[in-house]
Amino acid sequence: MTPWIKWTKYGLASTIGNTIYINKKLLKFPGLYQKVLSHEMKHVQGADFTLDFKEPFDLELLVWVIKHPSSWVHYLPVWYFQGKIVWARTMLMLWLLAFGIVMLCIGFAKWIS
């Protein structure tokens, strides 16, 4: 299946169906762009969301994300995109886990006080 590539001004990269949406600012960083495109191509070829947890940590990508706040929207679990509400399972799980940890810490703090 040949994917379509569309450029966005926000987020990092997402795959919806056979369309890959990539932040056009990544074009200024060819090596990083190829890494991200390669990862998204695996999703187009059928890799499920667990791929996001299996890929090795990439410090270069983290630095890029920190320097480009427009990409932070990609780390939200739900967002509005092209007239639709879109959600990312991976981010939803991470946010729920973080929320659970925060609630556990609050409960523990109340318990010991």
PDB file of N, CA and C in Angstrom:
ATOM      1  N   MET A   1       0.839  -1.171   0.000  1.00  0.00           N
ATOM      2  CA  MET A   1       0.000   0.000   0.000  1.00  0.00           C
ATOM      3  C   MET A   1       0.891   1.244   0.000  1.00  0.00           C
ATOM      4  N   THR A   2       0.666   2.128  -0.921  1.00  0.00           N
ATOM      5  CA  THR A   2       1.439   3.360  -1.001  1.00  0.00           C
ATOM      6  C   THR A   2       0.755   4.430  -0.167  1.00  0.00           C
ATOM      7  N   PRO A   3       1.473   4.974   0.814  1.00  0.00           N
ATOM      8  CA  PRO A   3       0.839   5.988   1.656  1.00  0.00           C
ATOM      9  C   PRO A   3       0.868   7.367   1.004  1.00  0.00           C
ATOM     10  N   TRP A   4      -0.049   8.194   1.435  1.00  0.00           N
ATOM     11  CA  TRP A   4      -0.045   9.601   1.075  1.00  0.00           C
ATOM     12  C   TRP A   4       0.690  10.319   2.192  1.00  0.00           C
ATOM     13  N   ILE A   5       1.477  11.306   1.844  1.00  0.00           N
ATOM     14  CA  ILE A   5       2.145  12.103   2.861  1.00  0.00           C
ATOM     15  C   ILE A   5       1.588  13.516   2.771  1.00  0.00           C
ATOM     16  N   LYS A   6       1.092  13.987   3.922  1.00  0.00           N
ATOM     17  CA  LYS A   6       0.566  15.350   4.005  1.00  0.00           C
ATOM     18  C   LYS A   6       1.335  16.077   5.089  1.00  0.00           C
ATOM     19  N   TRP A   7       1.555  17.360   4.860  1.00  0.00           N
ATOM     20  CA  TRP A   7       2.329  18.173   5.796  1.00  0.00           C
ATOM     21  C   TRP A   7       1.408  18.883   6.760  1.00  0.00           C
ATOM     22  N   THR A   8       1.831  18.994   8.006  1.00  0.00           N
ATOM     23  CA  THR A   8       1.083  19.734   9.013  1.00  0.00           C
ATOM     24  C   THR A   8       1.999  20.779   9.641  1.00  0.00           C
ATOM     25  N   LYS A   9       1.394  21.722  10.343  1.00  0.00           N
ATOM     26  CA  LYS A   9       2.167  22.762  11.026  1.00  0.00           C
ATOM     27  C   LYS A   9       2.310  22.450  12.506  1.00  0.00           C
ATOM     28  N   TYR A  10       1.729  21.371  12.951  1.00  0.00           N
ATOM     29  CA  TYR A  10       1.745  21.018  14.360  1.00  0.00           C
ATOM     30  C   TYR A  10       1.862  19.511  14.499  1.00  0.00           C
ATOM     31  N   GLY A  11       2.087  19.059  15.719  1.00  0.00           N
ATOM     32  CA  GLY A  11       2.264  17.625  15.935  1.00  0.00           C
ATOM     33  C   GLY A  11       3.632  17.189  15.456  1.00  0.00           C
ATOM     34  N   LEU A  12       3.875  15.916  15.558  1.00  0.00           N
ATOM     35  CA  LEU A  12       5.130  15.344  15.076  1.00  0.00           C
ATOM     36  C   LEU A  12       4.836  14.561  13.814  1.00  0.00           C
ATOM     37  N   ALA A  13       4.185  13.425  13.976  1.00  0.00           N
ATOM     38  CA  ALA A  13       3.768  12.612  12.831  1.00  0.00           C
ATOM     39  C   ALA A  13       2.687  11.658  13.304  1.00  0.00           C
ATOM     40  N   SER A  14       1.741  11.393  12.428  1.00  0.00           N
ATOM     41  CA  SER A  14       0.654  10.471  12.727  1.00  0.00           C
ATOM     42  C   SER A  14       0.295   9.718  11.461  1.00  0.00           C
ATOM     43  N   THR A  15      -0.261   8.540  11.673  1.00  0.00           N
ATOM     44  CA  THR A  15      -0.754   7.762  10.546  1.00  0.00           C
ATOM     45  C   THR A  15      -2.236   7.523  10.761  1.00  0.00           C
ATOM     46  N   ILE A  16      -3.023   7.932   9.796  1.00  0.00           N
ATOM     47  CA  ILE A  16      -4.457   7.678   9.831  1.00  0.00           C
ATOM     48  C   ILE A  16      -4.793   6.996   8.505  1.00  0.00           C
ATOM     49  N   GLY A  17      -5.167   5.720   8.594  1.00  0.00           N
ATOM     50  CA  GLY A  17      -5.393   4.934   7.380  1.00  0.00           C
ATOM     51  C   GLY A  17      -4.085   4.769   6.633  1.00  0.00           C
ATOM     52  N   ASN A  18      -4.075   5.166   5.371  1.00  0.00           N
ATOM     53  CA  ASN A  18      -2.831   5.090   4.607  1.00  0.00           C
ATOM     54  C   ASN A  18      -2.247   6.484   4.349  1.00  0.00           C
ATOM     55  N   THR A  19      -2.622   7.437   5.211  1.00  0.00           N
ATOM     56  CA  THR A  19      -2.092   8.795   5.099  1.00  0.00           C
ATOM     57  C   THR A  19      -1.174   9.073   6.282  1.00  0.00           C
ATOM     58  N   ILE A  20       0.011   9.557   5.979  1.00  0.00           N
ATOM     59  CA  ILE A  20       0.981   9.928   7.003  1.00  0.00           C
ATOM     60  C   ILE A  20       1.016  11.450   7.066  1.00  0.00           C
ATOM     61  N   TYR A  21       0.765  11.980   8.243  1.00  0.00           N
ATOM     62  CA  TYR A  21       0.819  13.420   8.481  1.00  0.00           C
ATOM     63  C   TYR A  21       2.118  13.709   9.212  1.00  0.00           C
ATOM     64  N   ILE A  22       2.958  14.560   8.617  1.00  0.00           N
ATOM     65  CA  ILE A  22       4.262  14.878   9.201  1.00  0.00           C
ATOM     66  C   ILE A  22       4.410  16.391   9.304  1.00  0.00           C
ATOM     67  N   ASN A  23       4.947  16.830  10.436  1.00  0.00           N
ATOM     68  CA  ASN A  23       5.221  18.244  10.638  1.00  0.00           C
ATOM     69  C   ASN A  23       6.260  18.681   9.602  1.00  0.00           C
ATOM     70  N   LYS A  24       5.916  19.698   8.826  1.00  0.00           N
ATOM     71  CA  LYS A  24       6.809  20.099   7.732  1.00  0.00           C
ATOM     72  C   LYS A  24       8.124  20.691   8.213  1.00  0.00           C
ATOM     73  N   LYS A  25       8.216  21.054   9.498  1.00  0.00           N
ATOM     74  CA  LYS A  25       9.490  21.550  10.036  1.00  0.00           C
ATOM     75  C   LYS A  25      10.541  20.447  10.061  1.00  0.00           C
ATOM     76  N   LEU A  26      10.107  19.183  10.024  1.00  0.00           N
ATOM     77  CA  LEU A  26      11.056  18.070  10.006  1.00  0.00           C
ATOM     78  C   LEU A  26      11.876  18.022   8.715  1.00  0.00           C
ATOM     79  N   LEU A  27      11.397  18.668   7.654  1.00  0.00           N
ATOM     80  CA  LEU A  27      12.129  18.662   6.383  1.00  0.00           C
ATOM     81  C   LEU A  27      13.507  19.316   6.517  1.00  0.00           C
ATOM     82  N   LYS A  28      13.659  20.193   7.510  1.00  0.00           N
ATOM     83  CA  LYS A  28      14.954  20.856   7.724  1.00  0.00           C
ATOM     84  C   LYS A  28      15.951  19.933   8.423  1.00  0.00           C
ATOM     85  N   PHE A  29      15.490  18.761   8.848  1.00  0.00           N
ATOM     86  CA  PHE A  29      16.326  17.790   9.554  1.00  0.00           C
ATOM     87  C   PHE A  29      16.189  16.438   8.859  1.00  0.00           C
ATOM     88  N   PRO A  30      16.883  16.240   7.718  1.00  0.00           N
ATOM     89  CA  PRO A  30      16.686  15.055   6.886  1.00  0.00           C
ATOM     90  C   PRO A  30      16.858  13.717   7.614  1.00  0.00           C
ATOM     91  N   GLY A  31      17.843  13.607   8.480  1.00  0.00           N
ATOM     92  CA  GLY A  31      18.059  12.347   9.187  1.00  0.00           C
ATOM     93  C   GLY A  31      16.896  12.009  10.101  1.00  0.00           C
ATOM     94  N   LEU A  32      16.446  13.001  10.831  1.00  0.00           N
ATOM     95  CA  LEU A  32      15.316  12.813  11.738  1.00  0.00           C
ATOM     96  C   LEU A  32      14.027  12.558  10.959  1.00  0.00           C
ATOM     97  N   TYR A  33      13.861  13.283   9.846  1.00  0.00           N
ATOM     98  CA  TYR A  33      12.696  13.077   8.986  1.00  0.00           C
ATOM     99  C   TYR A  33      12.635  11.623   8.509  1.00  0.00           C
ATOM    100  N   GLN A  34      13.759  11.069   8.094  1.00  0.00           N
ATOM    101  CA  GLN A  34      13.783   9.681   7.612  1.00  0.00           C
ATOM    102  C   GLN A  34      13.435   8.693   8.725  1.00  0.00           C
ATOM    103  N   LYS A  35      13.915   8.960   9.951  1.00  0.00           N
ATOM    104  CA  LYS A  35      13.582   8.094  11.086  1.00  0.00           C
ATOM    105  C   LYS A  35      12.079   8.098  11.347  1.00  0.00           C
ATOM    106  N   VAL A  36      11.499   9.293  11.361  1.00  0.00           N
ATOM    107  CA  VAL A  36      10.072   9.432  11.642  1.00  0.00           C
ATOM    108  C   VAL A  36       9.251   8.802  10.516  1.00  0.00           C
ATOM    109  N   LEU A  37       9.626   9.064   9.277  1.00  0.00           N
ATOM    110  CA  LEU A  37       8.910   8.493   8.133  1.00  0.00           C
ATOM    111  C   LEU A  37       8.982   6.973   8.156  1.00  0.00           C
ATOM    112  N   SER A  38      10.143   6.429   8.456  1.00  0.00           N
ATOM    113  CA  SER A  38      10.309   4.982   8.531  1.00  0.00           C
ATOM    114  C   SER A  38       9.388   4.386   9.605  1.00  0.00           C
ATOM    115  N   HIS A  39       9.312   5.045  10.750  1.00  0.00           N
ATOM    116  CA  HIS A  39       8.443   4.580  11.832  1.00  0.00           C
ATOM    117  C   HIS A  39       6.976   4.608  11.398  1.00  0.00           C
ATOM    118  N   GLU A  40       6.558   5.695  10.786  1.00  0.00           N
ATOM    119  CA  GLU A  40       5.158   5.821  10.353  1.00  0.00           C
ATOM    120  C   GLU A  40       4.821   4.830   9.236  1.00  0.00           C
ATOM    121  N   MET A  41       5.801   4.528   8.379  1.00  0.00           N
ATOM    122  CA  MET A  41       5.580   3.534   7.318  1.00  0.00           C
ATOM    123  C   MET A  41       5.262   2.163   7.921  1.00  0.00           C
ATOM    124  N   LYS A  42       5.874   1.839   9.063  1.00  0.00           N
ATOM    125  CA  LYS A  42       5.574   0.567   9.723  1.00  0.00           C
ATOM    126  C   LYS A  42       4.118   0.519  10.163  1.00  0.00           C
ATOM    127  N   HIS A  43       3.574   1.664  10.572  1.00  0.00           N
ATOM    128  CA  HIS A  43       2.156   1.703  10.934  1.00  0.00           C
ATOM    129  C   HIS A  43       1.274   1.486   9.701  1.00  0.00           C
ATOM    130  N   VAL A  44       1.660   2.100   8.583  1.00  0.00           N
ATOM    131  CA  VAL A  44       0.888   1.924   7.340  1.00  0.00           C
ATOM    132  C   VAL A  44       0.909   0.455   6.918  1.00  0.00           C
ATOM    133  N   GLN A  45       2.031  -0.219   7.150  1.00  0.00           N
ATOM    134  CA  GLN A  45       2.171  -1.621   6.755  1.00  0.00           C
ATOM    135  C   GLN A  45       1.536  -2.578   7.748  1.00  0.00           C
ATOM    136  N   GLY A  46       0.871  -2.041   8.784  1.00  0.00           N
ATOM    137  CA  GLY A  46       0.099  -2.901   9.670  1.00  0.00           C
ATOM    138  C   GLY A  46       0.589  -3.030  11.097  1.00  0.00           C
ATOM    139  N   ALA A  47       1.680  -2.376  11.467  1.00  0.00           N
ATOM    140  CA  ALA A  47       2.153  -2.469  12.850  1.00  0.00           C
ATOM    141  C   ALA A  47       1.163  -1.744  13.755  1.00  0.00           C
ATOM    142  N   ASP A  48       0.797  -2.367  14.864  1.00  0.00           N
ATOM    143  CA  ASP A  48      -0.171  -1.738  15.759  1.00  0.00           C
ATOM    144  C   ASP A  48       0.508  -0.737  16.693  1.00  0.00           C
ATOM    145  N   PHE A  49      -0.267  -0.188  17.613  1.00  0.00           N
ATOM    146  CA  PHE A  49       0.242   0.873  18.472  1.00  0.00           C
ATOM    147  C   PHE A  49       1.370   0.418  19.386  1.00  0.00           C
ATOM    148  N   THR A  50       1.531  -0.886  19.617  1.00  0.00           N
ATOM    149  CA  THR A  50       2.613  -1.353  20.491  1.00  0.00           C
ATOM    150  C   THR A  50       3.987  -1.054  19.884  1.00  0.00           C
ATOM    151  N   LEU A  51       4.039  -0.809  18.581  1.00  0.00           N
ATOM    152  CA  LEU A  51       5.295  -0.430  17.936  1.00  0.00           C
ATOM    153  C   LEU A  51       5.889   0.811  18.602  1.00  0.00           C
ATOM    154  N   ASP A  52       5.029   1.733  19.057  1.00  0.00           N
ATOM    155  CA  ASP A  52       5.503   2.964  19.673  1.00  0.00           C
ATOM    156  C   ASP A  52       6.280   2.687  20.957  1.00  0.00           C
ATOM    157  N   PHE A  53       5.990   1.564  21.619  1.00  0.00           N
ATOM    158  CA  PHE A  53       6.709   1.204  22.839  1.00  0.00           C
ATOM    159  C   PHE A  53       7.947   0.367  22.545  1.00  0.00           C
ATOM    160  N   LYS A  54       7.998  -0.262  21.387  1.00  0.00           N
ATOM    161  CA  LYS A  54       9.103  -1.157  21.047  1.00  0.00           C
ATOM    162  C   LYS A  54      10.288  -0.440  20.421  1.00  0.00           C
ATOM    163  N   GLU A  55      10.027   0.691  19.798  1.00  0.00           N
ATOM    164  CA  GLU A  55      11.106   1.439  19.143  1.00  0.00           C
ATOM    165  C   GLU A  55      12.047   2.001  20.212  1.00  0.00           C
ATOM    166  N   PRO A  56      13.330   2.040  19.948  1.00  0.00           N
ATOM    167  CA  PRO A  56      14.264   2.563  20.956  1.00  0.00           C
ATOM    168  C   PRO A  56      14.072   4.060  21.188  1.00  0.00           C
ATOM    169  N   PHE A  57      14.414   4.500  22.390  1.00  0.00           N
ATOM    170  CA  PHE A  57      14.341   5.919  22.743  1.00  0.00           C
ATOM    171  C   PHE A  57      15.288   6.712  21.841  1.00  0.00           C
ATOM    172  N   ASP A  58      14.837   7.851  21.359  1.00  0.00           N
ATOM    173  CA  ASP A  58      15.640   8.664  20.446  1.00  0.00           C
ATOM    174  C   ASP A  58      15.839  10.051  21.045  1.00  0.00           C
ATOM    175  N   LEU A  59      17.029  10.309  21.569  1.00  0.00           N
ATOM    176  CA  LEU A  59      17.328  11.590  22.204  1.00  0.00           C
ATOM    177  C   LEU A  59      17.232  12.739  21.206  1.00  0.00           C
ATOM    178  N   GLU A  60      17.678  12.516  19.973  1.00  0.00           N
ATOM    179  CA  GLU A  60      17.620  13.566  18.946  1.00  0.00           C
ATOM    180  C   GLU A  60      16.169  14.007  18.718  1.00  0.00           C
ATOM    181  N   LEU A  61      15.256  13.036  18.693  1.00  0.00           N
ATOM    182  CA  LEU A  61      13.841  13.344  18.495  1.00  0.00           C
ATOM    183  C   LEU A  61      13.297  14.129  19.690  1.00  0.00           C
ATOM    184  N   LEU A  62      13.668  13.733  20.905  1.00  0.00           N
ATOM    185  CA  LEU A  62      13.215  14.436  22.099  1.00  0.00           C
ATOM    186  C   LEU A  62      13.685  15.887  22.080  1.00  0.00           C
ATOM    187  N   VAL A  63      14.921  16.119  21.710  1.00  0.00           N
ATOM    188  CA  VAL A  63      15.458  17.485  21.631  1.00  0.00           C
ATOM    189  C   VAL A  63      14.675  18.287  20.601  1.00  0.00           C
ATOM    190  N   TRP A  64      14.378  17.689  19.454  1.00  0.00           N
ATOM    191  CA  TRP A  64      13.612  18.375  18.411  1.00  0.00           C
ATOM    192  C   TRP A  64      12.226  18.751  18.931  1.00  0.00           C
ATOM    193  N   VAL A  65      11.571  17.820  19.600  1.00  0.00           N
ATOM    194  CA  VAL A  65      10.232  18.075  20.128  1.00  0.00           C
ATOM    195  C   VAL A  65      10.261  19.216  21.139  1.00  0.00           C
ATOM    196  N   ILE A  66      11.248  19.226  22.022  1.00  0.00           N
ATOM    197  CA  ILE A  66      11.350  20.294  23.025  1.00  0.00           C
ATOM    198  C   ILE A  66      11.562  21.646  22.364  1.00  0.00           C
ATOM    199  N   LYS A  67      12.341  21.691  21.300  1.00  0.00           N
ATOM    200  CA  LYS A  67      12.633  22.951  20.612  1.00  0.00           C
ATOM    201  C   LYS A  67      11.479  23.442  19.738  1.00  0.00           C
ATOM    202  N   HIS A  68      10.527  22.571  19.422  1.00  0.00           N
ATOM    203  CA  HIS A  68       9.410  22.931  18.544  1.00  0.00           C
ATOM    204  C   HIS A  68       8.085  22.704  19.271  1.00  0.00           C
ATOM    205  N   PRO A  69       7.632  23.700  20.026  1.00  0.00           N
ATOM    206  CA  PRO A  69       6.394  23.540  20.801  1.00  0.00           C
ATOM    207  C   PRO A  69       5.171  23.165  19.966  1.00  0.00           C
ATOM    208  N   SER A  70       5.174  23.486  18.686  1.00  0.00           N
ATOM    209  CA  SER A  70       4.025  23.103  17.848  1.00  0.00           C
ATOM    210  C   SER A  70       3.886  21.585  17.754  1.00  0.00           C
ATOM    211  N   SER A  71       4.943  20.846  18.075  1.00  0.00           N
ATOM    212  CA  SER A  71       4.868  19.387  18.017  1.00  0.00           C
ATOM    213  C   SER A  71       4.279  18.796  19.292  1.00  0.00           C
ATOM    214  N   TRP A  72       4.141  19.591  20.342  1.00  0.00           N
ATOM    215  CA  TRP A  72       3.658  19.073  21.616  1.00  0.00           C
ATOM    216  C   TRP A  72       2.240  18.555  21.536  1.00  0.00           C
ATOM    217  N   VAL A  73       1.436  19.088  20.624  1.00  0.00           N
ATOM    218  CA  VAL A  73       0.048  18.639  20.491  1.00  0.00           C
ATOM    219  C   VAL A  73      -0.003  17.139  20.212  1.00  0.00           C
ATOM    220  N   HIS A  74       1.054  16.604  19.636  1.00  0.00           N
ATOM    221  CA  HIS A  74       1.103  15.179  19.319  1.00  0.00           C
ATOM    222  C   HIS A  74       1.080  14.318  20.579  1.00  0.00           C
ATOM    223  N   TYR A  75       1.436  14.899  21.696  1.00  0.00           N
ATOM    224  CA  TYR A  75       1.484  14.140  22.943  1.00  0.00           C
ATOM    225  C   TYR A  75       0.201  14.254  23.751  1.00  0.00           C
ATOM    226  N   LEU A  76      -0.805  14.915  23.200  1.00  0.00           N
ATOM    227  CA  LEU A  76      -2.119  14.936  23.828  1.00  0.00           C
ATOM    228  C   LEU A  76      -2.866  13.662  23.416  1.00  0.00           C
ATOM    229  N   PRO A  77      -3.708  13.118  24.280  1.00  0.00           N
ATOM    230  CA  PRO A  77      -4.404  11.877  23.928  1.00  0.00           C
ATOM    231  C   PRO A  77      -5.549  12.081  22.934  1.00  0.00           C
ATOM    232  N   VAL A  78      -6.145  13.272  22.921  1.00  0.00           N
ATOM    233  CA  VAL A  78      -7.281  13.552  22.039  1.00  0.00           C
ATOM    234  C   VAL A  78      -7.079  14.938  21.442  1.00  0.00           C
ATOM    235  N   TRP A  79      -7.352  15.081  20.148  1.00  0.00           N
ATOM    236  CA  TRP A  79      -7.273  16.387  19.518  1.00  0.00           C
ATOM    237  C   TRP A  79      -8.248  16.452  18.355  1.00  0.00           C
ATOM    238  N   TYR A  80      -8.505  17.662  17.885  1.00  0.00           N
ATOM    239  CA  TYR A  80      -9.421  17.921  16.783  1.00  0.00           C
ATOM    240  C   TYR A  80      -8.598  18.072  15.520  1.00  0.00           C
ATOM    241  N   PHE A  81      -8.891  17.262  14.500  1.00  0.00           N
ATOM    242  CA  PHE A  81      -8.063  17.241  13.298  1.00  0.00           C
ATOM    243  C   PHE A  81      -8.941  17.095  12.071  1.00  0.00           C
ATOM    244  N   GLN A  82      -8.877  18.036  11.151  1.00  0.00           N
ATOM    245  CA  GLN A  82      -9.620  18.029   9.896  1.00  0.00           C
ATOM    246  C   GLN A  82     -11.104  17.738  10.108  1.00  0.00           C
ATOM    247  N   GLY A  83     -11.690  18.431  11.080  1.00  0.00           N
ATOM    248  CA  GLY A  83     -13.119  18.289  11.332  1.00  0.00           C
ATOM    249  C   GLY A  83     -13.515  17.042  12.099  1.00  0.00           C
ATOM    250  N   LYS A  84     -12.547  16.303  12.608  1.00  0.00           N
ATOM    251  CA  LYS A  84     -12.839  15.081  13.352  1.00  0.00           C
ATOM    252  C   LYS A  84     -12.112  15.105  14.690  1.00  0.00           C
ATOM    253  N   ILE A  85     -12.682  14.408  15.655  1.00  0.00           N
ATOM    254  CA  ILE A  85     -11.983  14.208  16.920  1.00  0.00           C
ATOM    255  C   ILE A  85     -11.166  12.936  16.773  1.00  0.00           C
ATOM    256  N   VAL A  86      -9.863  13.059  16.982  1.00  0.00           N
ATOM    257  CA  VAL A  86      -8.931  11.945  16.804  1.00  0.00           C
ATOM    258  C   VAL A  86      -8.310  11.638  18.165  1.00  0.00           C
ATOM    259  N   TRP A  87      -8.082  10.365  18.433  1.00  0.00           N
ATOM    260  CA  TRP A  87      -7.431   9.997  19.691  1.00  0.00           C
ATOM    261  C   TRP A  87      -6.331   8.998  19.411  1.00  0.00           C
ATOM    262  N   ALA A  88      -5.301   9.057  20.261  1.00  0.00           N
ATOM    263  CA  ALA A  88      -4.152   8.168  20.122  1.00  0.00           C
ATOM    264  C   ALA A  88      -4.148   7.211  21.314  1.00  0.00           C
ATOM    265  N   ARG A  89      -4.271   5.927  21.043  1.00  0.00           N
ATOM    266  CA  ARG A  89      -4.308   4.924  22.118  1.00  0.00           C
ATOM    267  C   ARG A  89      -3.073   4.990  23.005  1.00  0.00           C
ATOM    268  N   THR A  90      -1.921   5.111  22.389  1.00  0.00           N
ATOM    269  CA  THR A  90      -0.676   5.135  23.142  1.00  0.00           C
ATOM    270  C   THR A  90      -0.660   6.291  24.131  1.00  0.00           C
ATOM    271  N   MET A  91      -0.971   7.482  23.643  1.00  0.00           N
ATOM    272  CA  MET A  91      -0.954   8.652  24.520  1.00  0.00           C
ATOM    273  C   MET A  91      -2.059   8.573  25.565  1.00  0.00           C
ATOM    274  N   LEU A  92      -3.206   8.039  25.204  1.00  0.00           N
ATOM    275  CA  LEU A  92      -4.288   7.891  26.173  1.00  0.00           C
ATOM    276  C   LEU A  92      -3.851   6.977  27.316  1.00  0.00           C
ATOM    277  N   MET A  93      -3.193   5.881  26.992  1.00  0.00           N
ATOM    278  CA  MET A  93      -2.708   4.969  28.026  1.00  0.00           C
ATOM    279  C   MET A  93      -1.660   5.647  28.906  1.00  0.00           C
ATOM    280  N   LEU A  94      -0.741   6.372  28.297  1.00  0.00           N
ATOM    281  CA  LEU A  94       0.290   7.056  29.079  1.00  0.00           C
ATOM    282  C   LEU A  94      -0.303   8.129  29.995  1.00  0.00           C
ATOM    283  N   TRP A  95      -1.268   8.895  29.485  1.00  0.00           N
ATOM    284  CA  TRP A  95      -1.909   9.925  30.299  1.00  0.00           C
ATOM    285  C   TRP A  95      -2.709   9.293  31.436  1.00  0.00           C
ATOM    286  N   LEU A  96      -3.414   8.194  31.163  1.00  0.00           N
ATOM    287  CA  LEU A  96      -4.159   7.513  32.228  1.00  0.00           C
ATOM    288  C   LEU A  96      -3.219   6.945  33.282  1.00  0.00           C
ATOM    289  N   LEU A  97      -2.091   6.400  32.845  1.00  0.00           N
ATOM    290  CA  LEU A  97      -1.093   5.895  33.783  1.00  0.00           C
ATOM    291  C   LEU A  97      -0.546   7.039  34.638  1.00  0.00           C
ATOM    292  N   ALA A  98      -0.206   8.157  34.013  1.00  0.00           N
ATOM    293  CA  ALA A  98       0.312   9.310  34.753  1.00  0.00           C
ATOM    294  C   ALA A  98      -0.743   9.830  35.732  1.00  0.00           C
ATOM    295  N   PHE A  99      -1.992   9.893  35.293  1.00  0.00           N
ATOM    296  CA  PHE A  99      -3.079  10.344  36.163  1.00  0.00           C
ATOM    297  C   PHE A  99      -3.224   9.408  37.364  1.00  0.00           C
ATOM    298  N   GLY A 100      -3.145   8.109  37.111  1.00  0.00           N
ATOM    299  CA  GLY A 100      -3.229   7.124  38.186  1.00  0.00           C
ATOM    300  C   GLY A 100      -2.103   7.281  39.190  1.00  0.00           C
ATOM    301  N   ILE A 101      -0.898   7.521  38.708  1.00  0.00           N
ATOM    302  CA  ILE A 101       0.254   7.710  39.596  1.00  0.00           C
ATOM    303  C   ILE A 101       0.082   8.970  40.439  1.00  0.00           C
ATOM    304  N   VAL A 102      -0.386  10.047  39.820  1.00  0.00           N
ATOM    305  CA  VAL A 102      -0.621  11.296  40.556  1.00  0.00           C
ATOM    306  C   VAL A 102      -1.673  11.067  41.638  1.00  0.00           C
ATOM    307  N   MET A 103      -2.768  10.396  41.299  1.00  0.00           N
ATOM    308  CA  MET A 103      -3.824  10.124  42.283  1.00  0.00           C
ATOM    309  C   MET A 103      -3.303   9.241  43.416  1.00  0.00           C
ATOM    310  N   LEU A 104      -2.475   8.275  43.071  1.00  0.00           N
ATOM    311  CA  LEU A 104      -1.878   7.407  44.087  1.00  0.00           C
ATOM    312  C   LEU A 104      -0.990   8.212  45.032  1.00  0.00           C
ATOM    313  N   CYS A 105      -0.196   9.110  44.491  1.00  0.00           N
ATOM    314  CA  CYS A 105       0.673   9.954  45.319  1.00  0.00           C
ATOM    315  C   CYS A 105      -0.145  10.875  46.220  1.00  0.00           C
ATOM    316  N   ILE A 106      -1.216  11.449  45.685  1.00  0.00           N
ATOM    317  CA  ILE A 106      -2.075  12.315  46.499  1.00  0.00           C
ATOM    318  C   ILE A 106      -2.716  11.505  47.623  1.00  0.00           C
ATOM    319  N   GLY A 107      -3.214  10.334  47.282  1.00  0.00           N
ATOM    320  CA  GLY A 107      -3.819   9.471  48.297  1.00  0.00           C
ATOM    321  C   GLY A 107      -2.817   9.070  49.360  1.00  0.00           C
ATOM    322  N   PHE A 108      -1.611   8.741  48.943  1.00  0.00           N
ATOM    323  CA  PHE A 108      -0.570   8.357  49.893  1.00  0.00           C
ATOM    324  C   PHE A 108      -0.204   9.528  50.801  1.00  0.00           C
ATOM    325  N   ALA A 109      -0.100  10.730  50.212  1.00  0.00           N
ATOM    326  CA  ALA A 109       0.242  11.923  50.998  1.00  0.00           C
ATOM    327  C   ALA A 109      -0.842  12.209  52.036  1.00  0.00           C
ATOM    328  N   LYS A 110      -2.109  12.038  51.671  1.00  0.00           N
ATOM    329  CA  LYS A 110      -3.204  12.253  52.621  1.00  0.00           C
ATOM    330  C   LYS A 110      -3.186  11.171  53.698  1.00  0.00           C
ATOM    331  N   TRP A 111      -2.838   9.965  53.324  1.00  0.00           N
ATOM    332  CA  TRP A 111      -2.834   8.864  54.264  1.00  0.00           C
ATOM    333  C   TRP A 111      -1.765   9.028  55.345  1.00  0.00           C
ATOM    334  N   ILE A 112      -0.567   9.525  54.931  1.00  0.00           N
ATOM    335  CA  ILE A 112       0.519   9.667  55.918  1.00  0.00           C
ATOM    336  C   ILE A 112       0.410  10.958  56.726  1.00  0.00           C
ATOM    337  N   SER A 113      -0.445  11.884  56.329  1.00  0.00           N
ATOM    338  CA  SER A 113      -0.530  13.149  57.076  1.00  0.00           C
ATOM    339  C   SER A 113      -1.556  13.103  58.172  1.00  0.00           C
TER     340      SER A 113
END
